[in-house]
Amino acid sequence: MKIDGCVKFLLLVIAIFLGVIALRPHVAPPVVHAQSSGGYPVHFEPGYVTLPAPNGGTLPGKLVIDLRNGNVWGFPGFTQDALAAFHDPLPVSHPILLGKFALTDMDK
């Protein structure tokens, strides 16, 4: 069986492209980062504040600002006395949307 010049040329082109793919990580390695950006960019205010409860009362809790969009969240019930009363299972605090900072207005 005789292989003609066109088939040899195509095999040569395939071999060259496979070589380029194999050598690319060694010539230009991908950039890696020491820290991932998977976390939430938030700011926790120090201390405890009084938050409005959904039923109309007030609750002690933590104030959290989402730095991506300016939303202000309140997480009720995280005081030292409340945490000391729980052992298992751990308490889970669900956020209450309190307001929003207009961060885009700072560019005006």
PDB file of N, CA and C in Angstrom:
ATOM      1  N   MET A   1       0.856  -1.172   0.000  1.00  0.00           N
ATOM      2  CA  MET A   1       0.000   0.000   0.000  1.00  0.00           C
ATOM      3  C   MET A   1       0.902   1.235   0.000  1.00  0.00           C
ATOM      4  N   LYS A   2       0.628   2.126  -0.920  1.00  0.00           N
ATOM      5  CA  LYS A   2       1.460   3.313  -1.090  1.00  0.00           C
ATOM      6  C   LYS A   2       0.741   4.528  -0.519  1.00  0.00           C
ATOM      7  N   ILE A   3       1.457   5.296   0.363  1.00  0.00           N
ATOM      8  CA  ILE A   3       0.891   6.508   0.948  1.00  0.00           C
ATOM      9  C   ILE A   3       1.363   7.685   0.117  1.00  0.00           C
ATOM     10  N   ASP A   4       0.416   8.476  -0.337  1.00  0.00           N
ATOM     11  CA  ASP A   4       0.787   9.599  -1.183  1.00  0.00           C
ATOM     12  C   ASP A   4       1.224  10.812  -0.367  1.00  0.00           C
ATOM     13  N   GLY A   5       1.697  11.853  -1.014  1.00  0.00           N
ATOM     14  CA  GLY A   5       2.239  13.049  -0.372  1.00  0.00           C
ATOM     15  C   GLY A   5       1.220  13.837   0.438  1.00  0.00           C
ATOM     16  N   CYS A   6      -0.045  13.816   0.006  1.00  0.00           N
ATOM     17  CA  CYS A   6      -1.084  14.568   0.720  1.00  0.00           C
ATOM     18  C   CYS A   6      -1.319  13.985   2.103  1.00  0.00           C
ATOM     19  N   VAL A   7      -1.362  12.661   2.206  1.00  0.00           N
ATOM     20  CA  VAL A   7      -1.584  12.017   3.501  1.00  0.00           C
ATOM     21  C   VAL A   7      -0.391  12.268   4.412  1.00  0.00           C
ATOM     22  N   LYS A   8       0.827  12.197   3.854  1.00  0.00           N
ATOM     23  CA  LYS A   8       2.027  12.485   4.656  1.00  0.00           C
ATOM     24  C   LYS A   8       2.008  13.924   5.175  1.00  0.00           C
ATOM     25  N   PHE A   9       1.583  14.859   4.335  1.00  0.00           N
ATOM     26  CA  PHE A   9       1.508  16.261   4.756  1.00  0.00           C
ATOM     27  C   PHE A   9       0.484  16.436   5.875  1.00  0.00           C
ATOM     28  N   LEU A  10      -0.676  15.816   5.765  1.00  0.00           N
ATOM     29  CA  LEU A  10      -1.700  15.928   6.808  1.00  0.00           C
ATOM     30  C   LEU A  10      -1.219  15.313   8.124  1.00  0.00           C
ATOM     31  N   LEU A  11      -0.532  14.190   8.050  1.00  0.00           N
ATOM     32  CA  LEU A  11       0.011  13.582   9.272  1.00  0.00           C
ATOM     33  C   LEU A  11       1.079  14.474   9.905  1.00  0.00           C
ATOM     34  N   LEU A  12       1.874  15.133   9.082  1.00  0.00           N
ATOM     35  CA  LEU A  12       2.889  16.055   9.597  1.00  0.00           C
ATOM     36  C   LEU A  12       2.231  17.244  10.295  1.00  0.00           C
ATOM     37  N   VAL A  13       1.180  17.794   9.702  1.00  0.00           N
ATOM     38  CA  VAL A  13       0.461  18.925  10.308  1.00  0.00           C
ATOM     39  C   VAL A  13      -0.160  18.506  11.641  1.00  0.00           C
ATOM     40  N   ILE A  14      -0.762  17.335  11.690  1.00  0.00           N
ATOM     41  CA  ILE A  14      -1.353  16.832  12.940  1.00  0.00           C
ATOM     42  C   ILE A  14      -0.281  16.653  14.011  1.00  0.00           C
ATOM     43  N   ALA A  15       0.868  16.111  13.633  1.00  0.00           N
ATOM     44  CA  ALA A  15       1.961  15.911  14.596  1.00  0.00           C
ATOM     45  C   ALA A  15       2.472  17.242  15.129  1.00  0.00           C
ATOM     46  N   ILE A  16       2.563  18.260  14.266  1.00  0.00           N
ATOM     47  CA  ILE A  16       3.037  19.579  14.709  1.00  0.00           C
ATOM     48  C   ILE A  16       2.051  20.204  15.689  1.00  0.00           C
ATOM     49  N   PHE A  17       0.749  20.137  15.357  1.00  0.00           N
ATOM     50  CA  PHE A  17      -0.252  20.718  16.266  1.00  0.00           C
ATOM     51  C   PHE A  17      -0.301  19.984  17.607  1.00  0.00           C
ATOM     52  N   LEU A  18      -0.150  18.663  17.590  1.00  0.00           N
ATOM     53  CA  LEU A  18      -0.109  17.916  18.858  1.00  0.00           C
ATOM     54  C   LEU A  18       1.122  18.302  19.678  1.00  0.00           C
ATOM     55  N   GLY A  19       2.234  18.547  19.005  1.00  0.00           N
ATOM     56  CA  GLY A  19       3.436  18.990  19.706  1.00  0.00           C
ATOM     57  C   GLY A  19       3.255  20.362  20.333  1.00  0.00           C
ATOM     58  N   VAL A  20       2.576  21.262  19.624  1.00  0.00           N
ATOM     59  CA  VAL A  20       2.303  22.606  20.169  1.00  0.00           C
ATOM     60  C   VAL A  20       1.413  22.494  21.403  1.00  0.00           C
ATOM     61  N   ILE A  21       0.375  21.649  21.341  1.00  0.00           N
ATOM     62  CA  ILE A  21      -0.520  21.471  22.492  1.00  0.00           C
ATOM     63  C   ILE A  21       0.233  20.877  23.674  1.00  0.00           C
ATOM     64  N   ALA A  22       1.131  19.937  23.416  1.00  0.00           N
ATOM     65  CA  ALA A  22       1.873  19.287  24.500  1.00  0.00           C
ATOM     66  C   ALA A  22       2.906  20.216  25.134  1.00  0.00           C
ATOM     67  N   LEU A  23       3.510  21.099  24.352  1.00  0.00           N
ATOM     68  CA  LEU A  23       4.573  21.963  24.871  1.00  0.00           C
ATOM     69  C   LEU A  23       4.064  23.282  25.439  1.00  0.00           C
ATOM     70  N   ARG A  24       2.825  23.652  25.172  1.00  0.00           N
ATOM     71  CA  ARG A  24       2.313  24.939  25.640  1.00  0.00           C
ATOM     72  C   ARG A  24       2.381  25.100  27.159  1.00  0.00           C
ATOM     73  N   PRO A  25       2.006  24.103  27.986  1.00  0.00           N
ATOM     74  CA  PRO A  25       2.122  24.299  29.442  1.00  0.00           C
ATOM     75  C   PRO A  25       3.557  24.504  29.916  1.00  0.00           C
ATOM     76  N   HIS A  26       4.536  23.988  29.178  1.00  0.00           N
ATOM     77  CA  HIS A  26       5.940  24.153  29.588  1.00  0.00           C
ATOM     78  C   HIS A  26       6.502  25.500  29.150  1.00  0.00           C
ATOM     79  N   VAL A  27       6.038  26.015  28.031  1.00  0.00           N
ATOM     80  CA  VAL A  27       6.530  27.292  27.519  1.00  0.00           C
ATOM     81  C   VAL A  27       5.855  28.459  28.238  1.00  0.00           C
ATOM     82  N   ALA A  28       4.533  28.406  28.401  1.00  0.00           N
ATOM     83  CA  ALA A  28       3.775  29.471  29.059  1.00  0.00           C
ATOM     84  C   ALA A  28       2.827  28.826  30.069  1.00  0.00           C
ATOM     85  N   PRO A  29       3.323  28.549  31.287  1.00  0.00           N
ATOM     86  CA  PRO A  29       2.457  27.893  32.272  1.00  0.00           C
ATOM     87  C   PRO A  29       1.285  28.786  32.677  1.00  0.00           C
ATOM     88  N   PRO A  30       0.145  28.190  33.039  1.00  0.00           N
ATOM     89  CA  PRO A  30      -1.009  28.993  33.439  1.00  0.00           C
ATOM     90  C   PRO A  30      -0.755  29.715  34.756  1.00  0.00           C
ATOM     91  N   VAL A  31      -1.389  30.855  34.916  1.00  0.00           N
ATOM     92  CA  VAL A  31      -1.247  31.657  36.125  1.00  0.00           C
ATOM     93  C   VAL A  31      -2.092  31.023  37.240  1.00  0.00           C
ATOM     94  N   VAL A  32      -1.490  30.875  38.412  1.00  0.00           N
ATOM     95  CA  VAL A  32      -2.212  30.345  39.568  1.00  0.00           C
ATOM     96  C   VAL A  32      -2.248  31.406  40.653  1.00  0.00           C
ATOM     97  N   HIS A  33      -3.255  31.342  41.516  1.00  0.00           N
ATOM     98  CA  HIS A  33      -3.419  32.301  42.592  1.00  0.00           C
ATOM     99  C   HIS A  33      -3.364  31.577  43.927  1.00  0.00           C
ATOM    100  N   ALA A  34      -2.741  32.194  44.908  1.00  0.00           N
ATOM    101  CA  ALA A  34      -2.616  31.581  46.214  1.00  0.00           C
ATOM    102  C   ALA A  34      -3.942  31.566  46.957  1.00  0.00           C
ATOM    103  N   GLN A  35      -4.787  32.530  46.700  1.00  0.00           N
ATOM    104  CA  GLN A  35      -6.074  32.600  47.375  1.00  0.00           C
ATOM    105  C   GLN A  35      -7.179  32.559  46.335  1.00  0.00           C
ATOM    106  N   SER A  36      -8.203  31.800  46.641  1.00  0.00           N
ATOM    107  CA  SER A  36      -9.331  31.754  45.729  1.00  0.00           C
ATOM    108  C   SER A  36     -10.258  32.926  46.017  1.00  0.00           C
ATOM    109  N   SER A  37     -11.060  33.276  45.049  1.00  0.00           N
ATOM    110  CA  SER A  37     -12.015  34.366  45.226  1.00  0.00           C
ATOM    111  C   SER A  37     -13.408  33.819  45.492  1.00  0.00           C
ATOM    112  N   GLY A  38     -13.486  32.631  46.088  1.00  0.00           N
ATOM    113  CA  GLY A  38     -14.768  31.997  46.309  1.00  0.00           C
ATOM    114  C   GLY A  38     -15.531  32.534  47.506  1.00  0.00           C
ATOM    115  N   GLY A  39     -14.894  33.298  48.382  1.00  0.00           N
ATOM    116  CA  GLY A  39     -15.568  33.809  49.565  1.00  0.00           C
ATOM    117  C   GLY A  39     -16.438  35.010  49.267  1.00  0.00           C
ATOM    118  N   TYR A  40     -17.274  35.342  50.212  1.00  0.00           N
ATOM    119  CA  TYR A  40     -18.138  36.508  50.073  1.00  0.00           C
ATOM    120  C   TYR A  40     -17.407  37.745  50.581  1.00  0.00           C
ATOM    121  N   PRO A  41     -17.325  38.818  49.788  1.00  0.00           N
ATOM    122  CA  PRO A  41     -16.706  40.053  50.275  1.00  0.00           C
ATOM    123  C   PRO A  41     -17.698  40.820  51.150  1.00  0.00           C
ATOM    124  N   VAL A  42     -17.668  40.558  52.441  1.00  0.00           N
ATOM    125  CA  VAL A  42     -18.587  41.202  53.375  1.00  0.00           C
ATOM    126  C   VAL A  42     -17.796  41.846  54.502  1.00  0.00           C
ATOM    127  N   HIS A  43     -18.450  42.780  55.173  1.00  0.00           N
ATOM    128  CA  HIS A  43     -17.866  43.444  56.342  1.00  0.00           C
ATOM    129  C   HIS A  43     -18.798  43.223  57.522  1.00  0.00           C
ATOM    130  N   PHE A  44     -18.266  42.655  58.609  1.00  0.00           N
ATOM    131  CA  PHE A  44     -19.027  42.467  59.838  1.00  0.00           C
ATOM    132  C   PHE A  44     -18.749  43.647  60.761  1.00  0.00           C
ATOM    133  N   GLU A  45     -19.791  44.354  61.141  1.00  0.00           N
ATOM    134  CA  GLU A  45     -19.639  45.466  62.073  1.00  0.00           C
ATOM    135  C   GLU A  45     -19.275  44.914  63.446  1.00  0.00           C
ATOM    136  N   PRO A  46     -18.370  45.569  64.162  1.00  0.00           N
ATOM    137  CA  PRO A  46     -18.004  45.073  65.488  1.00  0.00           C
ATOM    138  C   PRO A  46     -19.145  45.277  66.487  1.00  0.00           C
ATOM    139  N   GLY A  47     -19.226  44.378  67.435  1.00  0.00           N
ATOM    140  CA  GLY A  47     -20.248  44.479  68.479  1.00  0.00           C
ATOM    141  C   GLY A  47     -21.599  43.982  68.007  1.00  0.00           C
ATOM    142  N   TYR A  48     -22.571  44.142  68.880  1.00  0.00           N
ATOM    143  CA  TYR A  48     -23.932  43.708  68.596  1.00  0.00           C
ATOM    144  C   TYR A  48     -24.832  44.929  68.471  1.00  0.00           C
ATOM    145  N   VAL A  49     -25.846  44.824  67.621  1.00  0.00           N
ATOM    146  CA  VAL A  49     -26.795  45.906  67.414  1.00  0.00           C
ATOM    147  C   VAL A  49     -28.193  45.375  67.659  1.00  0.00           C
ATOM    148  N   THR A  50     -29.145  46.294  67.790  1.00  0.00           N
ATOM    149  CA  THR A  50     -30.549  45.925  67.917  1.00  0.00           C
ATOM    150  C   THR A  50     -31.167  45.932  66.537  1.00  0.00           C
ATOM    151  N   LEU A  51     -31.688  44.778  66.131  1.00  0.00           N
ATOM    152  CA  LEU A  51     -32.262  44.616  64.789  1.00  0.00           C
ATOM    153  C   LEU A  51     -33.777  44.583  64.878  1.00  0.00           C
ATOM    154  N   PRO A  52     -34.464  45.090  63.875  1.00  0.00           N
ATOM    155  CA  PRO A  52     -35.925  44.952  63.860  1.00  0.00           C
ATOM    156  C   PRO A  52     -36.302  43.505  63.537  1.00  0.00           C
ATOM    157  N   ALA A  53     -37.194  42.949  64.329  1.00  0.00           N
ATOM    158  CA  ALA A  53     -37.648  41.575  64.109  1.00  0.00           C
ATOM    159  C   ALA A  53     -38.760  41.559  63.065  1.00  0.00           C
ATOM    160  N   PRO A  54     -38.918  40.453  62.347  1.00  0.00           N
ATOM    161  CA  PRO A  54     -39.993  40.373  61.349  1.00  0.00           C
ATOM    162  C   PRO A  54     -41.388  40.491  61.962  1.00  0.00           C
ATOM    163  N   ASN A  55     -41.529  40.128  63.244  1.00  0.00           N
ATOM    164  CA  ASN A  55     -42.852  40.199  63.885  1.00  0.00           C
ATOM    165  C   ASN A  55     -43.129  41.562  64.515  1.00  0.00           C
ATOM    166  N   GLY A  56     -42.213  42.513  64.390  1.00  0.00           N
ATOM    167  CA  GLY A  56     -42.447  43.861  64.897  1.00  0.00           C
ATOM    168  C   GLY A  56     -41.632  44.223  66.122  1.00  0.00           C
ATOM    169  N   GLY A  57     -41.010  43.270  66.785  1.00  0.00           N
ATOM    170  CA  GLY A  57     -40.197  43.556  67.959  1.00  0.00           C
ATOM    171  C   GLY A  57     -38.760  43.879  67.565  1.00  0.00           C
ATOM    172  N   THR A  58     -37.866  43.663  68.510  1.00  0.00           N
ATOM    173  CA  THR A  58     -36.442  43.869  68.242  1.00  0.00           C
ATOM    174  C   THR A  58     -35.675  42.649  68.704  1.00  0.00           C
ATOM    175  N   LEU A  59     -34.501  42.457  68.089  1.00  0.00           N
ATOM    176  CA  LEU A  59     -33.620  41.337  68.405  1.00  0.00           C
ATOM    177  C   LEU A  59     -32.187  41.827  68.468  1.00  0.00           C
ATOM    178  N   PRO A  60     -31.357  41.259  69.350  1.00  0.00           N
ATOM    179  CA  PRO A  60     -29.926  41.557  69.270  1.00  0.00           C
ATOM    180  C   PRO A  60     -29.315  40.735  68.135  1.00  0.00           C
ATOM    181  N   GLY A  61     -28.321  41.289  67.477  1.00  0.00           N
ATOM    182  CA  GLY A  61     -27.696  40.550  66.389  1.00  0.00           C
ATOM    183  C   GLY A  61     -26.494  41.260  65.811  1.00  0.00           C
ATOM    184  N   LYS A  62     -25.978  40.706  64.727  1.00  0.00           N
ATOM    185  CA  LYS A  62     -24.803  41.237  64.041  1.00  0.00           C
ATOM    186  C   LYS A  62     -25.244  41.933  62.760  1.00  0.00           C
ATOM    187  N   LEU A  63     -24.546  43.009  62.415  1.00  0.00           N
ATOM    188  CA  LEU A  63     -24.810  43.771  61.203  1.00  0.00           C
ATOM    189  C   LEU A  63     -23.720  43.443  60.187  1.00  0.00           C
ATOM    190  N   VAL A  64     -24.126  43.081  58.963  1.00  0.00           N
ATOM    191  CA  VAL A  64     -23.197  42.667  57.912  1.00  0.00           C
ATOM    192  C   VAL A  64     -23.492  43.480  56.661  1.00  0.00           C
ATOM    193  N   ILE A  65     -22.429  43.998  56.024  1.00  0.00           N
ATOM    194  CA  ILE A  65     -22.569  44.772  54.790  1.00  0.00           C
ATOM    195  C   ILE A  65     -21.939  43.969  53.662  1.00  0.00           C
ATOM    196  N   ASP A  66     -22.715  43.701  52.621  1.00  0.00           N
ATOM    197  CA  ASP A  66     -22.234  43.010  51.434  1.00  0.00           C
ATOM    198  C   ASP A  66     -21.517  44.032  50.559  1.00  0.00           C
ATOM    199  N   LEU A  67     -20.211  43.879  50.379  1.00  0.00           N
ATOM    200  CA  LEU A  67     -19.420  44.867  49.653  1.00  0.00           C
ATOM    201  C   LEU A  67     -19.589  44.772  48.142  1.00  0.00           C
ATOM    202  N   ARG A  68     -20.236  43.723  47.635  1.00  0.00           N
ATOM    203  CA  ARG A  68     -20.456  43.605  46.194  1.00  0.00           C
ATOM    204  C   ARG A  68     -21.571  44.525  45.726  1.00  0.00           C
ATOM    205  N   ASN A  69     -22.653  44.624  46.517  1.00  0.00           N
ATOM    206  CA  ASN A  69     -23.821  45.365  46.047  1.00  0.00           C
ATOM    207  C   ASN A  69     -24.348  46.384  47.050  1.00  0.00           C
ATOM    208  N   GLY A  70     -23.786  46.480  48.241  1.00  0.00           N
ATOM    209  CA  GLY A  70     -24.203  47.475  49.218  1.00  0.00           C
ATOM    210  C   GLY A  70     -25.370  47.062  50.087  1.00  0.00           C
ATOM    211  N   ASN A  71     -25.832  45.823  49.996  1.00  0.00           N
ATOM    212  CA  ASN A  71     -26.933  45.371  50.848  1.00  0.00           C
ATOM    213  C   ASN A  71     -26.485  45.280  52.300  1.00  0.00           C
ATOM    214  N   VAL A  72     -27.367  45.702  53.208  1.00  0.00           N
ATOM    215  CA  VAL A  72     -27.100  45.631  54.641  1.00  0.00           C
ATOM    216  C   VAL A  72     -27.994  44.544  55.216  1.00  0.00           C
ATOM    217  N   TRP A  73     -27.358  43.560  55.843  1.00  0.00           N
ATOM    218  CA  TRP A  73     -28.078  42.420  56.391  1.00  0.00           C
ATOM    219  C   TRP A  73     -27.915  42.390  57.900  1.00  0.00           C
ATOM    220  N   GLY A  74     -28.936  41.899  58.576  1.00  0.00           N
ATOM    221  CA  GLY A  74     -28.876  41.669  60.009  1.00  0.00           C
ATOM    222  C   GLY A  74     -29.017  40.188  60.285  1.00  0.00           C
ATOM    223  N   PHE A  75     -28.109  39.639  61.100  1.00  0.00           N
ATOM    224  CA  PHE A  75     -28.167  38.240  61.512  1.00  0.00           C
ATOM    225  C   PHE A  75     -28.553  38.205  62.987  1.00  0.00           C
ATOM    226  N   PRO A  76     -29.800  37.869  63.307  1.00  0.00           N
ATOM    227  CA  PRO A  76     -30.257  37.931  64.697  1.00  0.00           C
ATOM    228  C   PRO A  76     -29.763  36.760  65.538  1.00  0.00           C
ATOM    229  N   GLY A  77     -29.656  37.028  66.846  1.00  0.00           N
ATOM    230  CA  GLY A  77     -29.463  35.985  67.834  1.00  0.00           C
ATOM    231  C   GLY A  77     -28.058  35.578  68.163  1.00  0.00           C
ATOM    232  N   PHE A  78     -27.038  36.196  67.594  1.00  0.00           N
ATOM    233  CA  PHE A  78     -25.681  35.789  67.909  1.00  0.00           C
ATOM    234  C   PHE A  78     -25.112  36.647  69.036  1.00  0.00           C
ATOM    235  N   THR A  79     -25.540  36.388  70.246  1.00  0.00           N
ATOM    236  CA  THR A  79     -24.945  37.011  71.426  1.00  0.00           C
ATOM    237  C   THR A  79     -24.234  35.924  72.211  1.00  0.00           C
ATOM    238  N   GLN A  80     -23.352  36.300  73.094  1.00  0.00           N
ATOM    239  CA  GLN A  80     -22.610  35.314  73.875  1.00  0.00           C
ATOM    240  C   GLN A  80     -23.540  34.490  74.762  1.00  0.00           C
ATOM    241  N   ASP A  81     -24.578  35.122  75.314  1.00  0.00           N
ATOM    242  CA  ASP A  81     -25.521  34.386  76.163  1.00  0.00           C
ATOM    243  C   ASP A  81     -26.309  33.366  75.352  1.00  0.00           C
ATOM    244  N   ALA A  82     -26.716  33.740  74.157  1.00  0.00           N
ATOM    245  CA  ALA A  82     -27.493  32.822  73.313  1.00  0.00           C
ATOM    246  C   ALA A  82     -26.634  31.655  72.841  1.00  0.00           C
ATOM    247  N   LEU A  83     -25.371  31.904  72.545  1.00  0.00           N
ATOM    248  CA  LEU A  83     -24.501  30.828  72.091  1.00  0.00           C
ATOM    249  C   LEU A  83     -24.129  29.883  73.222  1.00  0.00           C
ATOM    250  N   ALA A  84     -24.035  30.384  74.441  1.00  0.00           N
ATOM    251  CA  ALA A  84     -23.683  29.526  75.573  1.00  0.00           C
ATOM    252  C   ALA A  84     -24.806  28.549  75.899  1.00  0.00           C
ATOM    253  N   ALA A  85     -26.040  28.881  75.554  1.00  0.00           N
ATOM    254  CA  ALA A  85     -27.168  28.010  75.874  1.00  0.00           C
ATOM    255  C   ALA A  85     -27.260  26.822  74.915  1.00  0.00           C
ATOM    256  N   PHE A  86     -26.646  26.896  73.747  1.00  0.00           N
ATOM    257  CA  PHE A  86     -26.739  25.832  72.745  1.00  0.00           C
ATOM    258  C   PHE A  86     -25.474  24.992  72.749  1.00  0.00           C
ATOM    259  N   HIS A  87     -25.658  23.695  72.647  1.00  0.00           N
ATOM    260  CA  HIS A  87     -24.508  22.812  72.532  1.00  0.00           C
ATOM    261  C   HIS A  87     -24.578  22.030  71.218  1.00  0.00           C
ATOM    262  N   ASP A  88     -25.659  21.297  71.013  1.00  0.00           N
ATOM    263  CA  ASP A  88     -25.803  20.507  69.803  1.00  0.00           C
ATOM    264  C   ASP A  88     -27.261  20.427  69.444  1.00  0.00           C
ATOM    265  N   PRO A  89     -27.705  20.741  68.318  1.00  0.00           N
ATOM    266  CA  PRO A  89     -26.977  21.248  67.158  1.00  0.00           C
ATOM    267  C   PRO A  89     -26.683  22.742  67.295  1.00  0.00           C
ATOM    268  N   LEU A  90     -25.756  23.215  66.512  1.00  0.00           N
ATOM    269  CA  LEU A  90     -25.403  24.634  66.543  1.00  0.00           C
ATOM    270  C   LEU A  90     -26.539  25.479  65.983  1.00  0.00           C
ATOM    271  N   PRO A  91     -26.737  26.672  66.528  1.00  0.00           N
ATOM    272  CA  PRO A  91     -27.811  27.531  66.004  1.00  0.00           C
ATOM    273  C   PRO A  91     -27.453  28.095  64.634  1.00  0.00           C
ATOM    274  N   VAL A  92     -28.470  28.302  63.824  1.00  0.00           N
ATOM    275  CA  VAL A  92     -28.302  28.895  62.496  1.00  0.00           C
ATOM    276  C   VAL A  92     -29.120  30.176  62.458  1.00  0.00           C
ATOM    277  N   SER A  93     -28.468  31.263  62.071  1.00  0.00           N
ATOM    278  CA  SER A  93     -29.137  32.547  61.985  1.00  0.00           C
ATOM    279  C   SER A  93     -29.361  32.886  60.519  1.00  0.00           C
ATOM    280  N   HIS A  94     -30.586  33.178  60.152  1.00  0.00           N
ATOM    281  CA  HIS A  94     -30.917  33.537  58.780  1.00  0.00           C
ATOM    282  C   HIS A  94     -30.973  35.059  58.661  1.00  0.00           C
ATOM    283  N   PRO A  95     -30.444  35.610  57.557  1.00  0.00           N
ATOM    284  CA  PRO A  95     -30.330  37.071  57.445  1.00  0.00           C
ATOM    285  C   PRO A  95     -31.670  37.751  57.205  1.00  0.00           C
ATOM    286  N   ILE A  96     -31.715  38.999  57.668  1.00  0.00           N
ATOM    287  CA  ILE A  96     -32.851  39.892  57.433  1.00  0.00           C
ATOM    288  C   ILE A  96     -32.305  41.084  56.652  1.00  0.00           C
ATOM    289  N   LEU A  97     -32.885  41.367  55.488  1.00  0.00           N
ATOM    290  CA  LEU A  97     -32.438  42.507  54.695  1.00  0.00           C
ATOM    291  C   LEU A  97     -32.908  43.795  55.361  1.00  0.00           C
ATOM    292  N   LEU A  98     -31.958  44.646  55.734  1.00  0.00           N
ATOM    293  CA  LEU A  98     -32.279  45.885  56.439  1.00  0.00           C
ATOM    294  C   LEU A  98     -32.285  47.106  55.523  1.00  0.00           C
ATOM    295  N   GLY A  99     -31.479  47.079  54.484  1.00  0.00           N
ATOM    296  CA  GLY A  99     -31.398  48.234  53.595  1.00  0.00           C
ATOM    297  C   GLY A  99     -30.312  48.048  52.565  1.00  0.00           C
ATOM    298  N   LYS A 100     -29.976  49.145  51.892  1.00  0.00           N
ATOM    299  CA  LYS A 100     -28.984  49.081  50.844  1.00  0.00           C
ATOM    300  C   LYS A 100     -28.225  50.398  50.774  1.00  0.00           C
ATOM    301  N   PHE A 101     -26.899  50.318  50.653  1.00  0.00           N
ATOM    302  CA  PHE A 101     -26.089  51.496  50.383  1.00  0.00           C
ATOM    303  C   PHE A 101     -25.996  51.672  48.874  1.00  0.00           C
ATOM    304  N   ALA A 102     -26.187  52.877  48.396  1.00  0.00           N
ATOM    305  CA  ALA A 102     -26.079  53.163  46.960  1.00  0.00           C
ATOM    306  C   ALA A 102     -24.603  53.416  46.635  1.00  0.00           C
ATOM    307  N   LEU A 103     -23.850  52.362  46.496  1.00  0.00           N
ATOM    308  CA  LEU A 103     -22.405  52.482  46.253  1.00  0.00           C
ATOM    309  C   LEU A 103     -22.095  53.094  44.898  1.00  0.00           C
ATOM    310  N   THR A 104     -22.997  52.935  43.940  1.00  0.00           N
ATOM    311  CA  THR A 104     -22.744  53.496  42.617  1.00  0.00           C
ATOM    312  C   THR A 104     -22.830  55.022  42.618  1.00  0.00           C
ATOM    313  N   ASP A 105     -23.505  55.617  43.593  1.00  0.00           N
ATOM    314  CA  ASP A 105     -23.597  57.076  43.671  1.00  0.00           C
ATOM    315  C   ASP A 105     -22.282  57.716  44.103  1.00  0.00           C
ATOM    316  N   MET A 106     -21.342  56.941  44.614  1.00  0.00           N
ATOM    317  CA  MET A 106     -20.067  57.510  45.052  1.00  0.00           C
ATOM    318  C   MET A 106     -19.199  57.928  43.873  1.00  0.00           C
ATOM    319  N   ASP A 107     -19.488  57.426  42.679  1.00  0.00           N
ATOM    320  CA  ASP A 107     -18.714  57.773  41.484  1.00  0.00           C
ATOM    321  C   ASP A 107     -19.172  59.067  40.845  1.00  0.00           C
ATOM    322  N   LYS A 108     -20.253  59.654  41.309  1.00  0.00           N
ATOM    323  CA  LYS A 108     -20.793  60.866  40.674  1.00  0.00           C
ATOM    324  C   LYS A 108     -20.038  62.101  41.092  1.00  0.00           C
TER     325      LYS A 108
END
